[in-house]
């Protein structure tokens, strides 16, 4: 009985993780789709500088 409950909890947790990842991904796509191209470029540029990645 305990193994069955643990398996059910694992399945629920996995499904919840998939739903959460899908919602976050969809939110990013919608958010990025409504921004101006220059705003996206500036944000990516700032992140590259903050992480020390050369971009010039």
C-alpha atoms as a PDB file:
ATOM      1  CA  UNK A   1       0.000   0.000   0.000  1.00  0.00           C
ATOM      2  CA  UNK A   2       2.839   2.417   0.805  1.00  0.00           C
ATOM      3  CA  UNK A   3       4.622   1.756  -2.498  1.00  0.00           C
ATOM      4  CA  UNK A   4       1.419   2.522  -4.387  1.00  0.00           C
ATOM      5  CA  UNK A   5       0.981   5.830  -2.520  1.00  0.00           C
ATOM      6  CA  UNK A   6       4.612   6.780  -3.152  1.00  0.00           C
ATOM      7  CA  UNK A   7       4.254   6.021  -6.868  1.00  0.00           C
ATOM      8  CA  UNK A   8       1.101   8.123  -7.084  1.00  0.00           C
ATOM      9  CA  UNK A   9       2.818  11.017  -5.307  1.00  0.00           C
ATOM     10  CA  UNK A  10       5.758  10.798  -7.727  1.00  0.00           C
ATOM     11  CA  UNK A  11       3.433  10.880 -10.731  1.00  0.00           C
ATOM     12  CA  UNK A  12       1.579  13.895  -9.360  1.00  0.00           C
ATOM     13  CA  UNK A  13       4.838  15.679  -8.641  1.00  0.00           C
ATOM     14  CA  UNK A  14       6.111  14.970 -12.157  1.00  0.00           C
ATOM     15  CA  UNK A  15       2.907  16.238 -13.742  1.00  0.00           C
ATOM     16  CA  UNK A  16       3.004  19.366 -11.591  1.00  0.00           C
ATOM     17  CA  UNK A  17       6.596  20.017 -12.679  1.00  0.00           C
ATOM     18  CA  UNK A  18       5.641  19.694 -16.344  1.00  0.00           C
ATOM     19  CA  UNK A  19       2.697  22.062 -15.939  1.00  0.00           C
ATOM     20  CA  UNK A  20       4.823  24.600 -14.051  1.00  0.00           C
ATOM     21  CA  UNK A  21       7.581  24.486 -16.700  1.00  0.00           C
ATOM     22  CA  UNK A  22       5.004  24.895 -19.477  1.00  0.00           C
ATOM     23  CA  UNK A  23       3.429  27.911 -17.767  1.00  0.00           C
ATOM     24  CA  UNK A  24       6.804  29.555 -17.186  1.00  0.00           C
ATOM     25  CA  UNK A  25       7.810  28.930 -20.811  1.00  0.00           C
ATOM     26  CA  UNK A  26       4.519  30.276 -22.129  1.00  0.00           C
ATOM     27  CA  UNK A  27       4.875  33.339 -19.896  1.00  0.00           C
ATOM     28  CA  UNK A  28       8.350  34.021 -21.258  1.00  0.00           C
ATOM     29  CA  UNK A  29       7.138  33.691 -24.852  1.00  0.00           C
ATOM     30  CA  UNK A  30       4.157  35.994 -24.273  1.00  0.00           C
ATOM     31  CA  UNK A  31       6.276  38.507 -22.362  1.00  0.00           C
ATOM     32  CA  UNK A  32       9.013  38.545 -25.016  1.00  0.00           C
ATOM     33  CA  UNK A  33       6.458  38.759 -27.799  1.00  0.00           C
ATOM     34  CA  UNK A  34       5.081  42.013 -26.434  1.00  0.00           C
ATOM     35  CA  UNK A  35       8.416  43.765 -25.939  1.00  0.00           C
ATOM     36  CA  UNK A  36      10.134  45.956 -28.481  1.00  0.00           C
ATOM     37  CA  UNK A  37      13.139  44.398 -30.237  1.00  0.00           C
ATOM     38  CA  UNK A  38      15.491  47.032 -28.832  1.00  0.00           C
ATOM     39  CA  UNK A  39      14.325  46.271 -25.278  1.00  0.00           C
ATOM     40  CA  UNK A  40      15.067  42.570 -25.756  1.00  0.00           C
ATOM     41  CA  UNK A  41      18.477  43.374 -27.227  1.00  0.00           C
ATOM     42  CA  UNK A  42      19.353  45.674 -24.335  1.00  0.00           C
ATOM     43  CA  UNK A  43      18.264  43.079 -21.752  1.00  0.00           C
ATOM     44  CA  UNK A  44      20.325  40.336 -23.399  1.00  0.00           C
ATOM     45  CA  UNK A  45      23.268  42.698 -23.743  1.00  0.00           C
ATOM     46  CA  UNK A  46      23.150  43.651 -20.070  1.00  0.00           C
ATOM     47  CA  UNK A  47      22.985  40.003 -19.011  1.00  0.00           C
ATOM     48  CA  UNK A  48      26.014  39.175 -21.162  1.00  0.00           C
ATOM     49  CA  UNK A  49      28.001  41.979 -19.506  1.00  0.00           C
ATOM     50  CA  UNK A  50      26.839  40.962 -16.022  1.00  0.00           C
ATOM     51  CA  UNK A  51      27.998  37.370 -16.539  1.00  0.00           C
ATOM     52  CA  UNK A  52      31.330  38.423 -18.044  1.00  0.00           C
ATOM     53  CA  UNK A  53      30.565  36.966 -21.476  1.00  0.00           C
ATOM     54  CA  UNK A  54      32.233  39.000 -24.236  1.00  0.00           C
ATOM     55  CA  UNK A  55      29.735  40.374 -26.700  1.00  0.00           C
ATOM     56  CA  UNK A  56      31.690  43.003 -28.604  1.00  0.00           C
END
